[in-house]
Amino acid sequence: MALTPQDIGRIANLARLELTPSESERMLTQLNGFFDIVEKMRAVDTSGLTPLAHPVAAIQDVALRLRDDVASEPNQREANQQSAPAVERGLFLVPKVIE
């Protein structure tokens, strides 16, 4: 997939960028270079490979430092909802905006 100068102009317009012709040409070269790299990566056959949990896991064992999934804050729902205009069964009530 290669971009054209018109594509760069459209992207610059959408991003609200004002590019000079030299900047536009440089941007075209850089983006097309990026897409060339992506195409090369897509061409590599990865069937039969298992994904890595960490990039370094390919060369050494990595112990993931995951913390225990425990609640560390007390439940303060009622205190947090005291200033709400309308609450029902622990839920904030809001006006209907779509009919």
PDB file of N, CA and C in Angstrom:
ATOM      1  N   MET A   1       0.849  -1.175   0.000  1.00  0.00           N
ATOM      2  CA  MET A   1       0.000   0.000   0.000  1.00  0.00           C
ATOM      3  C   MET A   1       0.895   1.239   0.000  1.00  0.00           C
ATOM      4  N   ALA A   2       0.828   1.998  -1.032  1.00  0.00           N
ATOM      5  CA  ALA A   2       1.632   3.216  -1.124  1.00  0.00           C
ATOM      6  C   ALA A   2       0.709   4.429  -1.160  1.00  0.00           C
ATOM      7  N   LEU A   3       1.090   5.435  -0.429  1.00  0.00           N
ATOM      8  CA  LEU A   3       0.323   6.672  -0.418  1.00  0.00           C
ATOM      9  C   LEU A   3       0.752   7.564  -1.578  1.00  0.00           C
ATOM     10  N   THR A   4      -0.161   8.417  -2.001  1.00  0.00           N
ATOM     11  CA  THR A   4       0.117   9.371  -3.068  1.00  0.00           C
ATOM     12  C   THR A   4       0.210  10.763  -2.454  1.00  0.00           C
ATOM     13  N   PRO A   5       0.722  11.737  -3.192  1.00  0.00           N
ATOM     14  CA  PRO A   5       0.739  13.113  -2.678  1.00  0.00           C
ATOM     15  C   PRO A   5      -0.665  13.631  -2.329  1.00  0.00           C
ATOM     16  N   GLN A   6      -1.675  13.157  -3.044  1.00  0.00           N
ATOM     17  CA  GLN A   6      -3.051  13.559  -2.732  1.00  0.00           C
ATOM     18  C   GLN A   6      -3.473  13.004  -1.370  1.00  0.00           C
ATOM     19  N   ASP A   7      -3.049  11.773  -1.060  1.00  0.00           N
ATOM     20  CA  ASP A   7      -3.352  11.189   0.254  1.00  0.00           C
ATOM     21  C   ASP A   7      -2.720  12.015   1.368  1.00  0.00           C
ATOM     22  N   ILE A   8      -1.483  12.448   1.161  1.00  0.00           N
ATOM     23  CA  ILE A   8      -0.801  13.264   2.168  1.00  0.00           C
ATOM     24  C   ILE A   8      -1.542  14.583   2.357  1.00  0.00           C
ATOM     25  N   GLY A   9      -1.988  15.179   1.255  1.00  0.00           N
ATOM     26  CA  GLY A   9      -2.747  16.421   1.353  1.00  0.00           C
ATOM     27  C   GLY A   9      -4.040  16.236   2.121  1.00  0.00           C
ATOM     28  N   ARG A  10      -4.718  15.120   1.887  1.00  0.00           N
ATOM     29  CA  ARG A  10      -5.982  14.844   2.590  1.00  0.00           C
ATOM     30  C   ARG A  10      -5.730  14.603   4.082  1.00  0.00           C
ATOM     31  N   ILE A  11      -4.697  13.821   4.397  1.00  0.00           N
ATOM     32  CA  ILE A  11      -4.360  13.555   5.798  1.00  0.00           C
ATOM     33  C   ILE A  11      -3.989  14.854   6.504  1.00  0.00           C
ATOM     34  N   ALA A  12      -3.199  15.697   5.839  1.00  0.00           N
ATOM     35  CA  ALA A  12      -2.807  16.977   6.436  1.00  0.00           C
ATOM     36  C   ALA A  12      -4.032  17.848   6.671  1.00  0.00           C
ATOM     37  N   ASN A  13      -4.960  17.823   5.743  1.00  0.00           N
ATOM     38  CA  ASN A  13      -6.190  18.599   5.908  1.00  0.00           C
ATOM     39  C   ASN A  13      -7.005  18.089   7.089  1.00  0.00           C
ATOM     40  N   LEU A  14      -7.146  16.781   7.199  1.00  0.00           N
ATOM     41  CA  LEU A  14      -7.909  16.201   8.312  1.00  0.00           C
ATOM     42  C   LEU A  14      -7.249  16.505   9.653  1.00  0.00           C
ATOM     43  N   ALA A  15      -5.909  16.558   9.670  1.00  0.00           N
ATOM     44  CA  ALA A  15      -5.169  16.840  10.901  1.00  0.00           C
ATOM     45  C   ALA A  15      -4.998  18.341  11.131  1.00  0.00           C
ATOM     46  N   ARG A  16      -5.552  19.121  10.234  1.00  0.00           N
ATOM     47  CA  ARG A  16      -5.438  20.591  10.317  1.00  0.00           C
ATOM     48  C   ARG A  16      -3.981  21.032  10.328  1.00  0.00           C
ATOM     49  N   LEU A  17      -3.170  20.400   9.439  1.00  0.00           N
ATOM     50  CA  LEU A  17      -1.764  20.743   9.303  1.00  0.00           C
ATOM     51  C   LEU A  17      -1.561  21.494   7.993  1.00  0.00           C
ATOM     52  N   GLU A  18      -0.724  22.478   8.032  1.00  0.00           N
ATOM     53  CA  GLU A  18      -0.361  23.202   6.817  1.00  0.00           C
ATOM     54  C   GLU A  18       1.070  22.814   6.478  1.00  0.00           C
ATOM     55  N   LEU A  19       1.209  21.966   5.454  1.00  0.00           N
ATOM     56  CA  LEU A  19       2.519  21.463   5.075  1.00  0.00           C
ATOM     57  C   LEU A  19       3.027  22.188   3.831  1.00  0.00           C
ATOM     58  N   THR A  20       4.306  22.515   3.845  1.00  0.00           N
ATOM     59  CA  THR A  20       4.923  23.057   2.645  1.00  0.00           C
ATOM     60  C   THR A  20       5.144  21.894   1.675  1.00  0.00           C
ATOM     61  N   PRO A  21       5.373  22.173   0.398  1.00  0.00           N
ATOM     62  CA  PRO A  21       5.616  21.074  -0.546  1.00  0.00           C
ATOM     63  C   PRO A  21       6.785  20.176  -0.139  1.00  0.00           C
ATOM     64  N   SER A  22       7.846  20.747   0.410  1.00  0.00           N
ATOM     65  CA  SER A  22       8.981  19.913   0.829  1.00  0.00           C
ATOM     66  C   SER A  22       8.606  19.046   2.032  1.00  0.00           C
ATOM     67  N   GLU A  23       7.836  19.601   2.973  1.00  0.00           N
ATOM     68  CA  GLU A  23       7.380  18.813   4.120  1.00  0.00           C
ATOM     69  C   GLU A  23       6.443  17.704   3.672  1.00  0.00           C
ATOM     70  N   SER A  24       5.582  18.025   2.727  1.00  0.00           N
ATOM     71  CA  SER A  24       4.657  17.030   2.209  1.00  0.00           C
ATOM     72  C   SER A  24       5.403  15.884   1.541  1.00  0.00           C
ATOM     73  N   GLU A  25       6.427  16.188   0.770  1.00  0.00           N
ATOM     74  CA  GLU A  25       7.230  15.160   0.105  1.00  0.00           C
ATOM     75  C   GLU A  25       7.981  14.311   1.123  1.00  0.00           C
ATOM     76  N   ARG A  26       8.540  14.952   2.143  1.00  0.00           N
ATOM     77  CA  ARG A  26       9.243  14.215   3.195  1.00  0.00           C
ATOM     78  C   ARG A  26       8.280  13.298   3.953  1.00  0.00           C
ATOM     79  N   MET A  27       7.083  13.806   4.230  1.00  0.00           N
ATOM     80  CA  MET A  27       6.080  13.005   4.929  1.00  0.00           C
ATOM     81  C   MET A  27       5.657  11.807   4.082  1.00  0.00           C
ATOM     82  N   LEU A  28       5.510  12.026   2.773  1.00  0.00           N
ATOM     83  CA  LEU A  28       5.155  10.941   1.863  1.00  0.00           C
ATOM     84  C   LEU A  28       6.221   9.850   1.892  1.00  0.00           C
ATOM     85  N   THR A  29       7.481  10.236   1.853  1.00  0.00           N
ATOM     86  CA  THR A  29       8.585   9.275   1.887  1.00  0.00           C
ATOM     87  C   THR A  29       8.597   8.506   3.204  1.00  0.00           C
ATOM     88  N   GLN A  30       8.419   9.206   4.318  1.00  0.00           N
ATOM     89  CA  GLN A  30       8.454   8.557   5.635  1.00  0.00           C
ATOM     90  C   GLN A  30       7.291   7.587   5.805  1.00  0.00           C
ATOM     91  N   LEU A  31       6.092   8.007   5.432  1.00  0.00           N
ATOM     92  CA  LEU A  31       4.926   7.133   5.601  1.00  0.00           C
ATOM     93  C   LEU A  31       5.000   5.921   4.683  1.00  0.00           C
ATOM     94  N   ASN A  32       5.432   6.116   3.443  1.00  0.00           N
ATOM     95  CA  ASN A  32       5.573   4.972   2.548  1.00  0.00           C
ATOM     96  C   ASN A  32       6.666   4.025   3.045  1.00  0.00           C
ATOM     97  N   GLY A  33       7.724   4.562   3.658  1.00  0.00           N
ATOM     98  CA  GLY A  33       8.748   3.712   4.263  1.00  0.00           C
ATOM     99  C   GLY A  33       8.184   2.890   5.407  1.00  0.00           C
ATOM    100  N   PHE A  34       7.319   3.509   6.195  1.00  0.00           N
ATOM    101  CA  PHE A  34       6.669   2.787   7.292  1.00  0.00           C
ATOM    102  C   PHE A  34       5.801   1.662   6.746  1.00  0.00           C
ATOM    103  N   PHE A  35       5.011   1.946   5.700  1.00  0.00           N
ATOM    104  CA  PHE A  35       4.148   0.918   5.128  1.00  0.00           C
ATOM    105  C   PHE A  35       4.967  -0.199   4.480  1.00  0.00           C
ATOM    106  N   ASP A  36       6.140   0.119   3.948  1.00  0.00           N
ATOM    107  CA  ASP A  36       7.023  -0.924   3.403  1.00  0.00           C
ATOM    108  C   ASP A  36       7.464  -1.875   4.507  1.00  0.00           C
ATOM    109  N   ILE A  37       7.798  -1.336   5.667  1.00  0.00           N
ATOM    110  CA  ILE A  37       8.197  -2.176   6.805  1.00  0.00           C
ATOM    111  C   ILE A  37       7.044  -3.066   7.239  1.00  0.00           C
ATOM    112  N   VAL A  38       5.834  -2.512   7.283  1.00  0.00           N
ATOM    113  CA  VAL A  38       4.662  -3.299   7.671  1.00  0.00           C
ATOM    114  C   VAL A  38       4.431  -4.428   6.676  1.00  0.00           C
ATOM    115  N   GLU A  39       4.570  -4.168   5.401  1.00  0.00           N
ATOM    116  CA  GLU A  39       4.392  -5.212   4.385  1.00  0.00           C
ATOM    117  C   GLU A  39       5.438  -6.310   4.533  1.00  0.00           C
ATOM    118  N   LYS A  40       6.670  -5.952   4.847  1.00  0.00           N
ATOM    119  CA  LYS A  40       7.719  -6.956   5.067  1.00  0.00           C
ATOM    120  C   LYS A  40       7.371  -7.814   6.284  1.00  0.00           C
ATOM    121  N   MET A  41       6.835  -7.193   7.325  1.00  0.00           N
ATOM    122  CA  MET A  41       6.460  -7.948   8.522  1.00  0.00           C
ATOM    123  C   MET A  41       5.290  -8.884   8.221  1.00  0.00           C
ATOM    124  N   ARG A  42       4.343  -8.435   7.395  1.00  0.00           N
ATOM    125  CA  ARG A  42       3.213  -9.291   7.029  1.00  0.00           C
ATOM    126  C   ARG A  42       3.653 -10.489   6.203  1.00  0.00           C
ATOM    127  N   ALA A  43       4.741 -10.358   5.462  1.00  0.00           N
ATOM    128  CA  ALA A  43       5.207 -11.428   4.590  1.00  0.00           C
ATOM    129  C   ALA A  43       5.825 -12.585   5.374  1.00  0.00           C
ATOM    130  N   VAL A  44       6.192 -12.373   6.611  1.00  0.00           N
ATOM    131  CA  VAL A  44       6.816 -13.421   7.421  1.00  0.00           C
ATOM    132  C   VAL A  44       5.758 -14.432   7.841  1.00  0.00           C
ATOM    133  N   ASP A  45       6.054 -15.720   7.617  1.00  0.00           N
ATOM    134  CA  ASP A  45       5.131 -16.792   7.997  1.00  0.00           C
ATOM    135  C   ASP A  45       5.249 -17.050   9.492  1.00  0.00           C
ATOM    136  N   THR A  46       4.182 -16.760  10.229  1.00  0.00           N
ATOM    137  CA  THR A  46       4.186 -16.947  11.682  1.00  0.00           C
ATOM    138  C   THR A  46       3.261 -18.081  12.106  1.00  0.00           C
ATOM    139  N   SER A  47       2.788 -18.874  11.158  1.00  0.00           N
ATOM    140  CA  SER A  47       1.907 -19.979  11.528  1.00  0.00           C
ATOM    141  C   SER A  47       2.710 -21.001  12.338  1.00  0.00           C
ATOM    142  N   GLY A  48       2.092 -21.529  13.347  1.00  0.00           N
ATOM    143  CA  GLY A  48       2.759 -22.501  14.201  1.00  0.00           C
ATOM    144  C   GLY A  48       3.570 -21.898  15.333  1.00  0.00           C
ATOM    145  N   LEU A  49       3.675 -20.588  15.403  1.00  0.00           N
ATOM    146  CA  LEU A  49       4.399 -19.937  16.489  1.00  0.00           C
ATOM    147  C   LEU A  49       3.420 -19.499  17.572  1.00  0.00           C
ATOM    148  N   THR A  50       3.826 -19.671  18.815  1.00  0.00           N
ATOM    149  CA  THR A  50       2.970 -19.221  19.907  1.00  0.00           C
ATOM    150  C   THR A  50       3.383 -17.806  20.301  1.00  0.00           C
ATOM    151  N   PRO A  51       2.411 -16.970  20.609  1.00  0.00           N
ATOM    152  CA  PRO A  51       2.742 -15.598  21.007  1.00  0.00           C
ATOM    153  C   PRO A  51       3.532 -15.578  22.312  1.00  0.00           C
ATOM    154  N   LEU A  52       4.367 -14.564  22.457  1.00  0.00           N
ATOM    155  CA  LEU A  52       5.165 -14.400  23.670  1.00  0.00           C
ATOM    156  C   LEU A  52       4.422 -13.512  24.662  1.00  0.00           C
ATOM    157  N   ALA A  53       4.560 -13.825  25.932  1.00  0.00           N
ATOM    158  CA  ALA A  53       3.982 -12.975  26.967  1.00  0.00           C
ATOM    159  C   ALA A  53       4.815 -11.721  27.161  1.00  0.00           C
ATOM    160  N   HIS A  54       6.091 -11.804  26.776  1.00  0.00           N
ATOM    161  CA  HIS A  54       7.025 -10.687  26.933  1.00  0.00           C
ATOM    162  C   HIS A  54       8.068 -10.808  25.823  1.00  0.00           C
ATOM    163  N   PRO A  55       8.495  -9.714  25.204  1.00  0.00           N
ATOM    164  CA  PRO A  55       9.450  -9.820  24.099  1.00  0.00           C
ATOM    165  C   PRO A  55      10.758 -10.513  24.464  1.00  0.00           C
ATOM    166  N   VAL A  56      11.193 -10.392  25.696  1.00  0.00           N
ATOM    167  CA  VAL A  56      12.456 -10.988  26.118  1.00  0.00           C
ATOM    168  C   VAL A  56      12.296 -12.490  26.338  1.00  0.00           C
ATOM    169  N   ALA A  57      11.056 -12.980  26.419  1.00  0.00           N
ATOM    170  CA  ALA A  57      10.823 -14.400  26.674  1.00  0.00           C
ATOM    171  C   ALA A  57      11.394 -15.285  25.573  1.00  0.00           C
ATOM    172  N   ALA A  58      11.710 -14.725  24.413  1.00  0.00           N
ATOM    173  CA  ALA A  58      12.289 -15.513  23.327  1.00  0.00           C
ATOM    174  C   ALA A  58      13.716 -15.935  23.649  1.00  0.00           C
ATOM    175  N   ILE A  59      14.410 -15.172  24.489  1.00  0.00           N
ATOM    176  CA  ILE A  59      15.819 -15.476  24.760  1.00  0.00           C
ATOM    177  C   ILE A  59      16.088 -15.889  26.199  1.00  0.00           C
ATOM    178  N   GLN A  60      15.174 -15.622  27.116  1.00  0.00           N
ATOM    179  CA  GLN A  60      15.368 -16.024  28.510  1.00  0.00           C
ATOM    180  C   GLN A  60      14.012 -16.134  29.197  1.00  0.00           C
ATOM    181  N   ASP A  61      13.990 -16.912  30.293  1.00  0.00           N
ATOM    182  CA  ASP A  61      12.752 -17.046  31.056  1.00  0.00           C
ATOM    183  C   ASP A  61      12.448 -15.739  31.769  1.00  0.00           C
ATOM    184  N   VAL A  62      11.192 -15.333  31.698  1.00  0.00           N
ATOM    185  CA  VAL A  62      10.775 -14.084  32.327  1.00  0.00           C
ATOM    186  C   VAL A  62       9.653 -14.403  33.307  1.00  0.00           C
ATOM    187  N   ALA A  63       9.861 -14.028  34.541  1.00  0.00           N
ATOM    188  CA  ALA A  63       8.810 -14.168  35.539  1.00  0.00           C
ATOM    189  C   ALA A  63       8.033 -12.858  35.569  1.00  0.00           C
ATOM    190  N   LEU A  64       6.766 -12.930  35.177  1.00  0.00           N
ATOM    191  CA  LEU A  64       5.957 -11.722  35.172  1.00  0.00           C
ATOM    192  C   LEU A  64       5.646 -11.311  36.600  1.00  0.00           C
ATOM    193  N   ARG A  65       5.867 -10.051  36.886  1.00  0.00           N
ATOM    194  CA  ARG A  65       5.632  -9.545  38.230  1.00  0.00           C
ATOM    195  C   ARG A  65       4.216  -8.998  38.304  1.00  0.00           C
ATOM    196  N   LEU A  66       3.267  -9.884  38.550  1.00  0.00           N
ATOM    197  CA  LEU A  66       1.868  -9.489  38.640  1.00  0.00           C
ATOM    198  C   LEU A  66       1.468  -9.410  40.106  1.00  0.00           C
ATOM    199  N   ARG A  67       0.726  -8.400  40.448  1.00  0.00           N
ATOM    200  CA  ARG A  67       0.272  -8.276  41.829  1.00  0.00           C
ATOM    201  C   ARG A  67      -1.033  -9.042  42.000  1.00  0.00           C
ATOM    202  N   ASP A  68      -1.336  -9.402  43.230  1.00  0.00           N
ATOM    203  CA  ASP A  68      -2.580 -10.096  43.528  1.00  0.00           C
ATOM    204  C   ASP A  68      -3.761  -9.190  43.219  1.00  0.00           C
ATOM    205  N   ASP A  69      -4.829  -9.779  42.698  1.00  0.00           N
ATOM    206  CA  ASP A  69      -6.033  -9.030  42.358  1.00  0.00           C
ATOM    207  C   ASP A  69      -6.940  -8.971  43.584  1.00  0.00           C
ATOM    208  N   VAL A  70      -6.629  -8.033  44.463  1.00  0.00           N
ATOM    209  CA  VAL A  70      -7.417  -7.866  45.679  1.00  0.00           C
ATOM    210  C   VAL A  70      -7.849  -6.409  45.793  1.00  0.00           C
ATOM    211  N   ALA A  71      -9.003  -6.203  46.402  1.00  0.00           N
ATOM    212  CA  ALA A  71      -9.494  -4.844  46.618  1.00  0.00           C
ATOM    213  C   ALA A  71      -8.645  -4.185  47.691  1.00  0.00           C
ATOM    214  N   SER A  72      -8.129  -2.991  47.375  1.00  0.00           N
ATOM    215  CA  SER A  72      -7.283  -2.311  48.348  1.00  0.00           C
ATOM    216  C   SER A  72      -7.964  -1.079  48.938  1.00  0.00           C
ATOM    217  N   GLU A  73      -9.094  -0.718  48.398  1.00  0.00           N
ATOM    218  CA  GLU A  73      -9.840   0.438  48.899  1.00  0.00           C
ATOM    219  C   GLU A  73     -11.147  -0.049  49.521  1.00  0.00           C
ATOM    220  N   PRO A  74     -11.580   0.569  50.597  1.00  0.00           N
ATOM    221  CA  PRO A  74     -12.866   0.173  51.176  1.00  0.00           C
ATOM    222  C   PRO A  74     -14.013   0.653  50.293  1.00  0.00           C
ATOM    223  N   ASN A  75     -15.155  -0.010  50.408  1.00  0.00           N
ATOM    224  CA  ASN A  75     -16.341   0.368  49.648  1.00  0.00           C
ATOM    225  C   ASN A  75     -16.911   1.658  50.233  1.00  0.00           C
ATOM    226  N   GLN A  76     -16.850   2.745  49.470  1.00  0.00           N
ATOM    227  CA  GLN A  76     -17.366   4.034  49.922  1.00  0.00           C
ATOM    228  C   GLN A  76     -18.483   4.531  49.010  1.00  0.00           C
ATOM    229  N   ARG A  77     -19.248   3.594  48.436  1.00  0.00           N
ATOM    230  CA  ARG A  77     -20.295   3.963  47.495  1.00  0.00           C
ATOM    231  C   ARG A  77     -21.282   4.956  48.103  1.00  0.00           C
ATOM    232  N   GLU A  78     -21.770   4.667  49.294  1.00  0.00           N
ATOM    233  CA  GLU A  78     -22.779   5.553  49.899  1.00  0.00           C
ATOM    234  C   GLU A  78     -22.221   6.945  50.161  1.00  0.00           C
ATOM    235  N   ALA A  79     -20.999   7.038  50.630  1.00  0.00           N
ATOM    236  CA  ALA A  79     -20.390   8.343  50.883  1.00  0.00           C
ATOM    237  C   ALA A  79     -20.187   9.099  49.577  1.00  0.00           C
ATOM    238  N   ASN A  80     -19.814   8.394  48.516  1.00  0.00           N
ATOM    239  CA  ASN A  80     -19.590   9.043  47.230  1.00  0.00           C
ATOM    240  C   ASN A  80     -20.887   9.475  46.560  1.00  0.00           C
ATOM    241  N   GLN A  81     -21.993   8.815  46.888  1.00  0.00           N
ATOM    242  CA  GLN A  81     -23.271   9.146  46.254  1.00  0.00           C
ATOM    243  C   GLN A  81     -24.099  10.146  47.042  1.00  0.00           C
ATOM    244  N   GLN A  82     -23.611  10.618  48.167  1.00  0.00           N
ATOM    245  CA  GLN A  82     -24.388  11.552  48.974  1.00  0.00           C
ATOM    246  C   GLN A  82     -24.681  12.850  48.236  1.00  0.00           C
ATOM    247  N   SER A  83     -23.782  13.312  47.390  1.00  0.00           N
ATOM    248  CA  SER A  83     -24.003  14.578  46.698  1.00  0.00           C
ATOM    249  C   SER A  83     -24.757  14.407  45.382  1.00  0.00           C
ATOM    250  N   ALA A  84     -25.091  13.183  45.005  1.00  0.00           N
ATOM    251  CA  ALA A  84     -25.801  12.945  43.744  1.00  0.00           C
ATOM    252  C   ALA A  84     -27.254  13.379  43.867  1.00  0.00           C
ATOM    253  N   PRO A  85     -27.815  13.985  42.822  1.00  0.00           N
ATOM    254  CA  PRO A  85     -29.207  14.421  42.886  1.00  0.00           C
ATOM    255  C   PRO A  85     -30.199  13.266  42.979  1.00  0.00           C
ATOM    256  N   ALA A  86     -29.885  12.108  42.345  1.00  0.00           N
ATOM    257  CA  ALA A  86     -30.814  10.978  42.395  1.00  0.00           C
ATOM    258  C   ALA A  86     -30.031   9.674  42.361  1.00  0.00           C
ATOM    259  N   VAL A  87     -30.371   8.809  43.337  1.00  0.00           N
ATOM    260  CA  VAL A  87     -29.719   7.499  43.444  1.00  0.00           C
ATOM    261  C   VAL A  87     -30.797   6.470  43.736  1.00  0.00           C
ATOM    262  N   GLU A  88     -30.656   5.301  43.128  1.00  0.00           N
ATOM    263  CA  GLU A  88     -31.589   4.218  43.413  1.00  0.00           C
ATOM    264  C   GLU A  88     -30.832   2.907  43.439  1.00  0.00           C
ATOM    265  N   ARG A  89     -30.919   2.167  44.529  1.00  0.00           N
ATOM    266  CA  ARG A  89     -30.260   0.875  44.721  1.00  0.00           C
ATOM    267  C   ARG A  89     -28.779   0.925  44.367  1.00  0.00           C
ATOM    268  N   GLY A  90     -28.088   2.002  44.775  1.00  0.00           N
ATOM    269  CA  GLY A  90     -26.660   2.121  44.570  1.00  0.00           C
ATOM    270  C   GLY A  90     -26.255   2.623  43.198  1.00  0.00           C
ATOM    271  N   LEU A  91     -27.220   3.008  42.352  1.00  0.00           N
ATOM    272  CA  LEU A  91     -26.920   3.486  41.006  1.00  0.00           C
ATOM    273  C   LEU A  91     -27.299   4.951  40.867  1.00  0.00           C
ATOM    274  N   PHE A  92     -26.497   5.708  40.101  1.00  0.00           N
ATOM    275  CA  PHE A  92     -26.827   7.094  39.805  1.00  0.00           C
ATOM    276  C   PHE A  92     -27.970   7.116  38.799  1.00  0.00           C
ATOM    277  N   LEU A  93     -28.959   7.926  39.053  1.00  0.00           N
ATOM    278  CA  LEU A  93     -30.065   8.102  38.107  1.00  0.00           C
ATOM    279  C   LEU A  93     -29.826   9.380  37.326  1.00  0.00           C
ATOM    280  N   VAL A  94     -29.935   9.288  36.007  1.00  0.00           N
ATOM    281  CA  VAL A  94     -29.726  10.445  35.128  1.00  0.00           C
ATOM    282  C   VAL A  94     -30.939  10.608  34.233  1.00  0.00           C
ATOM    283  N   PRO A  95     -31.184  11.829  33.743  1.00  0.00           N
ATOM    284  CA  PRO A  95     -32.335  12.036  32.873  1.00  0.00           C
ATOM    285  C   PRO A  95     -32.148  11.308  31.537  1.00  0.00           C
ATOM    286  N   LYS A  96     -33.246  10.871  30.952  1.00  0.00           N
ATOM    287  CA  LYS A  96     -33.228  10.223  29.673  1.00  0.00           C
ATOM    288  C   LYS A  96     -32.920  11.270  28.601  1.00  0.00           C
ATOM    289  N   VAL A  97     -31.933  10.999  27.741  1.00  0.00           N
ATOM    290  CA  VAL A  97     -31.554  11.977  26.726  1.00  0.00           C
ATOM    291  C   VAL A  97     -31.858  11.487  25.308  1.00  0.00           C
ATOM    292  N   ILE A  98     -32.143  10.202  25.151  1.00  0.00           N
ATOM    293  CA  ILE A  98     -32.484   9.640  23.840  1.00  0.00           C
ATOM    294  C   ILE A  98     -33.877   9.054  23.944  1.00  0.00           C
ATOM    295  N   GLU A  99     -34.733   9.411  22.996  1.00  0.00           N
ATOM    296  CA  GLU A  99     -36.100   8.871  23.019  1.00  0.00           C
ATOM    297  C   GLU A  99     -36.209   7.660  22.147  1.00  0.00           C
TER     298      GLU A  99
END
